[in-house]
Amino acid sequence: MICNLPGYQLLDSLAVEAGGKVCVATIINGGITAFDTDGSTEHFAFPDMIVTNICFGGDDMRDAWITASGTGKLYKARWPQPA
C-alpha cells in the first residue's frame, strides 16, 4: 500500500503518468488524486462529487479526459505531466 486518504473518500478508475504517479478518480472529494510512489498526493478538484474515470491522450499525452458521473459530463483538461 502506498497511501491512505483522510476522511471518507472512494476511489474508482485510474491511469498512470509517464513519471509513475497513479492518477485515481476520487468520489465524494470530486476530482482526480495523483499518488506518488513516496506516498504524497496531489488533488485536482472538479465540480462534481462523483468523478469516476480518467484517461490520457493527445499528441503529447497531456490531454486528460475525465468523466463526471454525477452531472453526466465529460471534461477535457490539460494535465501537468504527460502520461
PDB file of N, CA and C in Angstrom:
ATOM      1  N   MET A   1       0.839  -1.171   0.000  1.00  0.00           N
ATOM      2  CA  MET A   1       0.000   0.000   0.000  1.00  0.00           C
ATOM      3  C   MET A   1       0.887   1.238   0.000  1.00  0.00           C
ATOM      4  N   ILE A   2       0.509   2.224  -0.816  1.00  0.00           N
ATOM      5  CA  ILE A   2       1.288   3.459  -0.922  1.00  0.00           C
ATOM      6  C   ILE A   2       0.779   4.513   0.046  1.00  0.00           C
ATOM      7  N   CYS A   3      -0.559   4.668   0.136  1.00  0.00           N
ATOM      8  CA  CYS A   3      -1.107   5.789   0.892  1.00  0.00           C
ATOM      9  C   CYS A   3      -2.578   5.565   1.184  1.00  0.00           C
ATOM     10  N   ASN A   4      -3.061   6.132   2.274  1.00  0.00           N
ATOM     11  CA  ASN A   4      -4.490   6.236   2.573  1.00  0.00           C
ATOM     12  C   ASN A   4      -4.885   7.694   2.462  1.00  0.00           C
ATOM     13  N   LEU A   5      -6.117   7.955   2.052  1.00  0.00           N
ATOM     14  CA  LEU A   5      -6.619   9.321   2.019  1.00  0.00           C
ATOM     15  C   LEU A   5      -7.389   9.605   3.305  1.00  0.00           C
ATOM     16  N   PRO A   6      -7.361  10.848   3.778  1.00  0.00           N
ATOM     17  CA  PRO A   6      -8.073  11.190   5.017  1.00  0.00           C
ATOM     18  C   PRO A   6      -9.587  11.223   4.809  1.00  0.00           C
ATOM     19  N   GLY A   7     -10.323  10.989   5.877  1.00  0.00           N
ATOM     20  CA  GLY A   7     -11.775  11.085   5.823  1.00  0.00           C
ATOM     21  C   GLY A   7     -12.387  10.001   4.958  1.00  0.00           C
ATOM     22  N   TYR A   8     -13.625  10.240   4.575  1.00  0.00           N
ATOM     23  CA  TYR A   8     -14.368   9.276   3.756  1.00  0.00           C
ATOM     24  C   TYR A   8     -14.251   9.677   2.291  1.00  0.00           C
ATOM     25  N   GLN A   9     -13.559   8.867   1.510  1.00  0.00           N
ATOM     26  CA  GLN A   9     -13.418   9.069   0.076  1.00  0.00           C
ATOM     27  C   GLN A   9     -13.433   7.698  -0.590  1.00  0.00           C
ATOM     28  N   LEU A  10     -13.927   7.648  -1.786  1.00  0.00           N
ATOM     29  CA  LEU A  10     -13.933   6.410  -2.556  1.00  0.00           C
ATOM     30  C   LEU A  10     -13.072   6.608  -3.794  1.00  0.00           C
ATOM     31  N   LEU A  11     -12.426   5.556  -4.226  1.00  0.00           N
ATOM     32  CA  LEU A  11     -11.569   5.613  -5.405  1.00  0.00           C
ATOM     33  C   LEU A  11     -12.167   4.755  -6.510  1.00  0.00           C
ATOM     34  N   ASP A  12     -12.011   5.223  -7.751  1.00  0.00           N
ATOM     35  CA  ASP A  12     -12.570   4.498  -8.888  1.00  0.00           C
ATOM     36  C   ASP A  12     -11.440   4.227  -9.880  1.00  0.00           C
ATOM     37  N   SER A  13     -11.671   4.451 -11.141  1.00  0.00           N
ATOM     38  CA  SER A  13     -10.710   4.103 -12.194  1.00  0.00           C
ATOM     39  C   SER A  13      -9.443   4.948 -12.116  1.00  0.00           C
ATOM     40  N   LEU A  14      -8.400   4.463 -12.787  1.00  0.00           N
ATOM     41  CA  LEU A  14      -7.105   5.139 -12.696  1.00  0.00           C
ATOM     42  C   LEU A  14      -6.360   5.111 -14.018  1.00  0.00           C
ATOM     43  N   ALA A  15      -5.345   5.966 -14.091  1.00  0.00           N
ATOM     44  CA  ALA A  15      -4.397   5.999 -15.205  1.00  0.00           C
ATOM     45  C   ALA A  15      -3.042   6.349 -14.602  1.00  0.00           C
ATOM     46  N   VAL A  16      -1.978   6.025 -15.305  1.00  0.00           N
ATOM     47  CA  VAL A  16      -0.628   6.239 -14.777  1.00  0.00           C
ATOM     48  C   VAL A  16       0.114   7.239 -15.651  1.00  0.00           C
ATOM     49  N   GLU A  17       0.728   8.246 -14.987  1.00  0.00           N
ATOM     50  CA  GLU A  17       1.558   9.218 -15.697  1.00  0.00           C
ATOM     51  C   GLU A  17       2.865   8.566 -16.126  1.00  0.00           C
ATOM     52  N   ALA A  18       3.534   9.163 -17.100  1.00  0.00           N
ATOM     53  CA  ALA A  18       4.820   8.643 -17.580  1.00  0.00           C
ATOM     54  C   ALA A  18       5.847   8.567 -16.452  1.00  0.00           C
ATOM     55  N   GLY A  19       5.777   9.508 -15.502  1.00  0.00           N
ATOM     56  CA  GLY A  19       6.720   9.528 -14.382  1.00  0.00           C
ATOM     57  C   GLY A  19       6.376   8.572 -13.261  1.00  0.00           C
ATOM     58  N   GLY A  20       5.261   7.856 -13.367  1.00  0.00           N
ATOM     59  CA  GLY A  20       4.916   6.836 -12.380  1.00  0.00           C
ATOM     60  C   GLY A  20       3.817   7.194 -11.405  1.00  0.00           C
ATOM     61  N   LYS A  21       3.343   8.447 -11.377  1.00  0.00           N
ATOM     62  CA  LYS A  21       2.242   8.782 -10.479  1.00  0.00           C
ATOM     63  C   LYS A  21       0.972   8.086 -10.945  1.00  0.00           C
ATOM     64  N   VAL A  22       0.221   7.576  -9.981  1.00  0.00           N
ATOM     65  CA  VAL A  22      -1.049   6.927 -10.270  1.00  0.00           C
ATOM     66  C   VAL A  22      -2.159   7.946 -10.036  1.00  0.00           C
ATOM     67  N   CYS A  23      -2.914   8.250 -11.081  1.00  0.00           N
ATOM     68  CA  CYS A  23      -3.980   9.249 -11.027  1.00  0.00           C
ATOM     69  C   CYS A  23      -5.311   8.525 -10.917  1.00  0.00           C
ATOM     70  N   VAL A  24      -6.012   8.759  -9.795  1.00  0.00           N
ATOM     71  CA  VAL A  24      -7.212   7.989  -9.485  1.00  0.00           C
ATOM     72  C   VAL A  24      -8.427   8.904  -9.394  1.00  0.00           C
ATOM     73  N   ALA A  25      -9.514   8.504 -10.043  1.00  0.00           N
ATOM     74  CA  ALA A  25     -10.778   9.224  -9.917  1.00  0.00           C
ATOM     75  C   ALA A  25     -11.249   9.110  -8.472  1.00  0.00           C
ATOM     76  N   THR A  26     -11.622  10.250  -7.880  1.00  0.00           N
ATOM     77  CA  THR A  26     -11.957  10.297  -6.463  1.00  0.00           C
ATOM     78  C   THR A  26     -13.422  10.702  -6.290  1.00  0.00           C
ATOM     79  N   ILE A  27     -14.174   9.823  -5.658  1.00  0.00           N
ATOM     80  CA  ILE A  27     -15.599  10.054  -5.415  1.00  0.00           C
ATOM     81  C   ILE A  27     -15.770  10.612  -4.007  1.00  0.00           C
ATOM     82  N   ILE A  28     -16.705  11.477  -3.812  1.00  0.00           N
ATOM     83  CA  ILE A  28     -17.032  12.246  -2.613  1.00  0.00           C
ATOM     84  C   ILE A  28     -16.173  13.511  -2.568  1.00  0.00           C
ATOM     85  N   ASN A  29     -14.868  13.371  -2.769  1.00  0.00           N
ATOM     86  CA  ASN A  29     -13.961  14.525  -2.822  1.00  0.00           C
ATOM     87  C   ASN A  29     -13.755  14.935  -4.280  1.00  0.00           C
ATOM     88  N   GLY A  30     -14.729  14.762  -5.097  1.00  0.00           N
ATOM     89  CA  GLY A  30     -14.788  15.017  -6.521  1.00  0.00           C
ATOM     90  C   GLY A  30     -13.551  15.541  -7.218  1.00  0.00           C
ATOM     91  N   GLY A  31     -12.841  14.676  -7.885  1.00  0.00           N
ATOM     92  CA  GLY A  31     -11.683  15.085  -8.661  1.00  0.00           C
ATOM     93  C   GLY A  31     -10.779  13.914  -8.983  1.00  0.00           C
ATOM     94  N   ILE A  32      -9.539  14.254  -9.246  1.00  0.00           N
ATOM     95  CA  ILE A  32      -8.510  13.253  -9.505  1.00  0.00           C
ATOM     96  C   ILE A  32      -7.430  13.427  -8.446  1.00  0.00           C
ATOM     97  N   THR A  33      -7.054  12.333  -7.800  1.00  0.00           N
ATOM     98  CA  THR A  33      -5.968  12.362  -6.828  1.00  0.00           C
ATOM     99  C   THR A  33      -4.777  11.642  -7.435  1.00  0.00           C
ATOM    100  N   ALA A  34      -3.636  12.335  -7.492  1.00  0.00           N
ATOM    101  CA  ALA A  34      -2.397  11.753  -8.027  1.00  0.00           C
ATOM    102  C   ALA A  34      -1.557  11.251  -6.854  1.00  0.00           C
ATOM    103  N   PHE A  35      -1.258   9.956  -6.857  1.00  0.00           N
ATOM    104  CA  PHE A  35      -0.464   9.307  -5.813  1.00  0.00           C
ATOM    105  C   PHE A  35       0.962   9.134  -6.320  1.00  0.00           C
ATOM    106  N   ASP A  36       1.932   9.673  -5.590  1.00  0.00           N
ATOM    107  CA  ASP A  36       3.336   9.493  -5.942  1.00  0.00           C
ATOM    108  C   ASP A  36       3.861   8.263  -5.208  1.00  0.00           C
ATOM    109  N   THR A  37       4.929   7.688  -5.705  1.00  0.00           N
ATOM    110  CA  THR A  37       5.499   6.482  -5.080  1.00  0.00           C
ATOM    111  C   THR A  37       6.038   6.753  -3.684  1.00  0.00           C
ATOM    112  N   ASP A  38       6.315   8.017  -3.335  1.00  0.00           N
ATOM    113  CA  ASP A  38       6.797   8.339  -1.995  1.00  0.00           C
ATOM    114  C   ASP A  38       5.654   8.494  -0.988  1.00  0.00           C
ATOM    115  N   GLY A  39       4.401   8.298  -1.433  1.00  0.00           N
ATOM    116  CA  GLY A  39       3.248   8.381  -0.545  1.00  0.00           C
ATOM    117  C   GLY A  39       2.571   9.738  -0.540  1.00  0.00           C
ATOM    118  N   SER A  40       3.128  10.719  -1.201  1.00  0.00           N
ATOM    119  CA  SER A  40       2.496  12.039  -1.244  1.00  0.00           C
ATOM    120  C   SER A  40       1.365  12.030  -2.282  1.00  0.00           C
ATOM    121  N   THR A  41       0.427  12.950  -2.119  1.00  0.00           N
ATOM    122  CA  THR A  41      -0.703  13.051  -3.033  1.00  0.00           C
ATOM    123  C   THR A  41      -0.915  14.506  -3.448  1.00  0.00           C
ATOM    124  N   GLU A  42      -1.560  14.663  -4.589  1.00  0.00           N
ATOM    125  CA  GLU A  42      -1.996  15.965  -5.055  1.00  0.00           C
ATOM    126  C   GLU A  42      -3.405  15.790  -5.607  1.00  0.00           C
ATOM    127  N   HIS A  43      -4.316  16.679  -5.196  1.00  0.00           N
ATOM    128  CA  HIS A  43      -5.714  16.554  -5.612  1.00  0.00           C
ATOM    129  C   HIS A  43      -6.059  17.633  -6.623  1.00  0.00           C
ATOM    130  N   PHE A  44      -6.704  17.227  -7.717  1.00  0.00           N
ATOM    131  CA  PHE A  44      -7.181  18.132  -8.760  1.00  0.00           C
ATOM    132  C   PHE A  44      -8.703  18.089  -8.720  1.00  0.00           C
ATOM    133  N   ALA A  45      -9.312  19.136  -8.180  1.00  0.00           N
ATOM    134  CA  ALA A  45     -10.765  19.158  -7.971  1.00  0.00           C
ATOM    135  C   ALA A  45     -11.526  19.414  -9.268  1.00  0.00           C
ATOM    136  N   PHE A  46     -12.698  18.793  -9.377  1.00  0.00           N
ATOM    137  CA  PHE A  46     -13.631  19.019 -10.468  1.00  0.00           C
ATOM    138  C   PHE A  46     -14.997  19.293  -9.859  1.00  0.00           C
ATOM    139  N   PRO A  47     -15.868  20.033 -10.557  1.00  0.00           N
ATOM    140  CA  PRO A  47     -17.163  20.419  -9.988  1.00  0.00           C
ATOM    141  C   PRO A  47     -18.204  19.298 -10.040  1.00  0.00           C
ATOM    142  N   ASP A  48     -17.860  18.157  -9.498  1.00  0.00           N
ATOM    143  CA  ASP A  48     -18.755  17.010  -9.441  1.00  0.00           C
ATOM    144  C   ASP A  48     -18.243  16.092  -8.336  1.00  0.00           C
ATOM    145  N   MET A  49     -19.130  15.637  -7.460  1.00  0.00           N
ATOM    146  CA  MET A  49     -18.710  14.758  -6.366  1.00  0.00           C
ATOM    147  C   MET A  49     -18.418  13.336  -6.823  1.00  0.00           C
ATOM    148  N   ILE A  50     -18.867  12.983  -8.028  1.00  0.00           N
ATOM    149  CA  ILE A  50     -18.731  11.595  -8.475  1.00  0.00           C
ATOM    150  C   ILE A  50     -17.875  11.556  -9.743  1.00  0.00           C
ATOM    151  N   VAL A  51     -16.588  11.731  -9.574  1.00  0.00           N
ATOM    152  CA  VAL A  51     -15.639  11.611 -10.687  1.00  0.00           C
ATOM    153  C   VAL A  51     -15.237  10.144 -10.752  1.00  0.00           C
ATOM    154  N   THR A  52     -15.432   9.516 -11.922  1.00  0.00           N
ATOM    155  CA  THR A  52     -15.288   8.065 -11.991  1.00  0.00           C
ATOM    156  C   THR A  52     -14.195   7.546 -12.913  1.00  0.00           C
ATOM    157  N   ASN A  53     -13.607   8.406 -13.753  1.00  0.00           N
ATOM    158  CA  ASN A  53     -12.621   7.867 -14.675  1.00  0.00           C
ATOM    159  C   ASN A  53     -11.710   8.957 -15.202  1.00  0.00           C
ATOM    160  N   ILE A  54     -10.501   8.562 -15.589  1.00  0.00           N
ATOM    161  CA  ILE A  54      -9.549   9.438 -16.256  1.00  0.00           C
ATOM    162  C   ILE A  54      -8.785   8.610 -17.285  1.00  0.00           C
ATOM    163  N   CYS A  55      -8.524   9.214 -18.425  1.00  0.00           N
ATOM    164  CA  CYS A  55      -7.618   8.612 -19.397  1.00  0.00           C
ATOM    165  C   CYS A  55      -6.857   9.743 -20.081  1.00  0.00           C
ATOM    166  N   PHE A  56      -5.705   9.407 -20.620  1.00  0.00           N
ATOM    167  CA  PHE A  56      -4.838  10.398 -21.243  1.00  0.00           C
ATOM    168  C   PHE A  56      -4.737  10.149 -22.742  1.00  0.00           C
ATOM    169  N   GLY A  57      -4.515  11.245 -23.491  1.00  0.00           N
ATOM    170  CA  GLY A  57      -4.339  11.134 -24.929  1.00  0.00           C
ATOM    171  C   GLY A  57      -3.758  12.407 -25.492  1.00  0.00           C
ATOM    172  N   GLY A  58      -3.899  12.575 -26.793  1.00  0.00           N
ATOM    173  CA  GLY A  58      -3.337  13.732 -27.475  1.00  0.00           C
ATOM    174  C   GLY A  58      -1.917  13.467 -27.928  1.00  0.00           C
ATOM    175  N   ASP A  59      -1.413  14.346 -28.778  1.00  0.00           N
ATOM    176  CA  ASP A  59      -0.063  14.171 -29.331  1.00  0.00           C
ATOM    177  C   ASP A  59       1.018  14.098 -28.267  1.00  0.00           C
ATOM    178  N   ASP A  60       0.852  14.872 -27.187  1.00  0.00           N
ATOM    179  CA  ASP A  60       1.875  14.888 -26.126  1.00  0.00           C
ATOM    180  C   ASP A  60       1.426  14.137 -24.867  1.00  0.00           C
ATOM    181  N   MET A  61       0.308  13.419 -24.957  1.00  0.00           N
ATOM    182  CA  MET A  61      -0.241  12.618 -23.846  1.00  0.00           C
ATOM    183  C   MET A  61      -0.537  13.470 -22.604  1.00  0.00           C
ATOM    184  N   ARG A  62      -0.915  14.738 -22.819  1.00  0.00           N
ATOM    185  CA  ARG A  62      -1.267  15.613 -21.698  1.00  0.00           C
ATOM    186  C   ARG A  62      -2.725  16.056 -21.735  1.00  0.00           C
ATOM    187  N   ASP A  63      -3.497  15.500 -22.663  1.00  0.00           N
ATOM    188  CA  ASP A  63      -4.941  15.745 -22.647  1.00  0.00           C
ATOM    189  C   ASP A  63      -5.563  14.697 -21.727  1.00  0.00           C
ATOM    190  N   ALA A  64      -6.235  15.170 -20.687  1.00  0.00           N
ATOM    191  CA  ALA A  64      -6.900  14.260 -19.754  1.00  0.00           C
ATOM    192  C   ALA A  64      -8.394  14.312 -20.027  1.00  0.00           C
ATOM    193  N   TRP A  65      -9.001  13.161 -20.189  1.00  0.00           N
ATOM    194  CA  TRP A  65     -10.443  13.033 -20.356  1.00  0.00           C
ATOM    195  C   TRP A  65     -10.979  12.480 -19.045  1.00  0.00           C
ATOM    196  N   ILE A  66     -11.912  13.220 -18.432  1.00  0.00           N
ATOM    197  CA  ILE A  66     -12.369  12.898 -17.080  1.00  0.00           C
ATOM    198  C   ILE A  66     -13.895  12.819 -17.084  1.00  0.00           C
ATOM    199  N   THR A  67     -14.429  11.700 -16.586  1.00  0.00           N
ATOM    200  CA  THR A  67     -15.884  11.541 -16.522  1.00  0.00           C
ATOM    201  C   THR A  67     -16.403  12.035 -15.175  1.00  0.00           C
ATOM    202  N   ALA A  68     -17.442  12.845 -15.236  1.00  0.00           N
ATOM    203  CA  ALA A  68     -18.124  13.352 -14.051  1.00  0.00           C
ATOM    204  C   ALA A  68     -19.514  12.716 -14.033  1.00  0.00           C
ATOM    205  N   SER A  69     -19.658  11.636 -13.329  1.00  0.00           N
ATOM    206  CA  SER A  69     -20.873  10.826 -13.416  1.00  0.00           C
ATOM    207  C   SER A  69     -22.072  11.435 -12.705  1.00  0.00           C
ATOM    208  N   GLY A  70     -21.854  12.287 -11.723  1.00  0.00           N
ATOM    209  CA  GLY A  70     -22.983  12.917 -11.031  1.00  0.00           C
ATOM    210  C   GLY A  70     -23.750  13.865 -11.934  1.00  0.00           C
ATOM    211  N   THR A  71     -23.031  14.554 -12.811  1.00  0.00           N
ATOM    212  CA  THR A  71     -23.660  15.516 -13.722  1.00  0.00           C
ATOM    213  C   THR A  71     -23.749  14.998 -15.151  1.00  0.00           C
ATOM    214  N   GLY A  72     -23.115  13.854 -15.425  1.00  0.00           N
ATOM    215  CA  GLY A  72     -23.147  13.284 -16.766  1.00  0.00           C
ATOM    216  C   GLY A  72     -22.257  14.023 -17.753  1.00  0.00           C
ATOM    217  N   LYS A  73     -21.252  14.708 -17.263  1.00  0.00           N
ATOM    218  CA  LYS A  73     -20.370  15.487 -18.138  1.00  0.00           C
ATOM    219  C   LYS A  73     -19.049  14.767 -18.373  1.00  0.00           C
ATOM    220  N   LEU A  74     -18.463  15.055 -19.514  1.00  0.00           N
ATOM    221  CA  LEU A  74     -17.124  14.583 -19.847  1.00  0.00           C
ATOM    222  C   LEU A  74     -16.243  15.817 -20.002  1.00  0.00           C
ATOM    223  N   TYR A  75     -15.187  15.891 -19.195  1.00  0.00           N
ATOM    224  CA  TYR A  75     -14.278  17.034 -19.231  1.00  0.00           C
ATOM    225  C   TYR A  75     -13.009  16.677 -19.986  1.00  0.00           C
ATOM    226  N   LYS A  76     -12.497  17.654 -20.704  1.00  0.00           N
ATOM    227  CA  LYS A  76     -11.162  17.547 -21.305  1.00  0.00           C
ATOM    228  C   LYS A  76     -10.320  18.647 -20.670  1.00  0.00           C
ATOM    229  N   ALA A  77      -9.180  18.265 -20.103  1.00  0.00           N
ATOM    230  CA  ALA A  77      -8.311  19.212 -19.425  1.00  0.00           C
ATOM    231  C   ALA A  77      -6.856  18.955 -19.803  1.00  0.00           C
ATOM    232  N   ARG A  78      -6.046  19.967 -19.724  1.00  0.00           N
ATOM    233  CA  ARG A  78      -4.605  19.781 -19.919  1.00  0.00           C
ATOM    234  C   ARG A  78      -4.019  19.311 -18.603  1.00  0.00           C
ATOM    235  N   TRP A  79      -3.278  18.225 -18.653  1.00  0.00           N
ATOM    236  CA  TRP A  79      -2.683  17.641 -17.455  1.00  0.00           C
ATOM    237  C   TRP A  79      -1.257  18.176 -17.316  1.00  0.00           C
ATOM    238  N   PRO A  80      -0.784  18.405 -16.074  1.00  0.00           N
ATOM    239  CA  PRO A  80       0.543  18.998 -15.898  1.00  0.00           C
ATOM    240  C   PRO A  80       1.716  18.102 -16.322  1.00  0.00           C
ATOM    241  N   GLN A  81       1.486  16.789 -16.352  1.00  0.00           N
ATOM    242  CA  GLN A  81       2.552  15.844 -16.710  1.00  0.00           C
ATOM    243  C   GLN A  81       2.063  14.928 -17.818  1.00  0.00           C
ATOM    244  N   PRO A  82       2.933  14.487 -18.708  1.00  0.00           N
ATOM    245  CA  PRO A  82       2.497  13.540 -19.735  1.00  0.00           C
ATOM    246  C   PRO A  82       2.265  12.147 -19.155  1.00  0.00           C
ATOM    247  N   ALA A  83       1.393  11.407 -19.799  1.00  0.00           N
ATOM    248  CA  ALA A  83       1.115  10.036 -19.370  1.00  0.00           C
ATOM    249  C   ALA A  83       1.786   9.064 -20.302  1.00  0.00           C
TER     250      ALA A  83
END
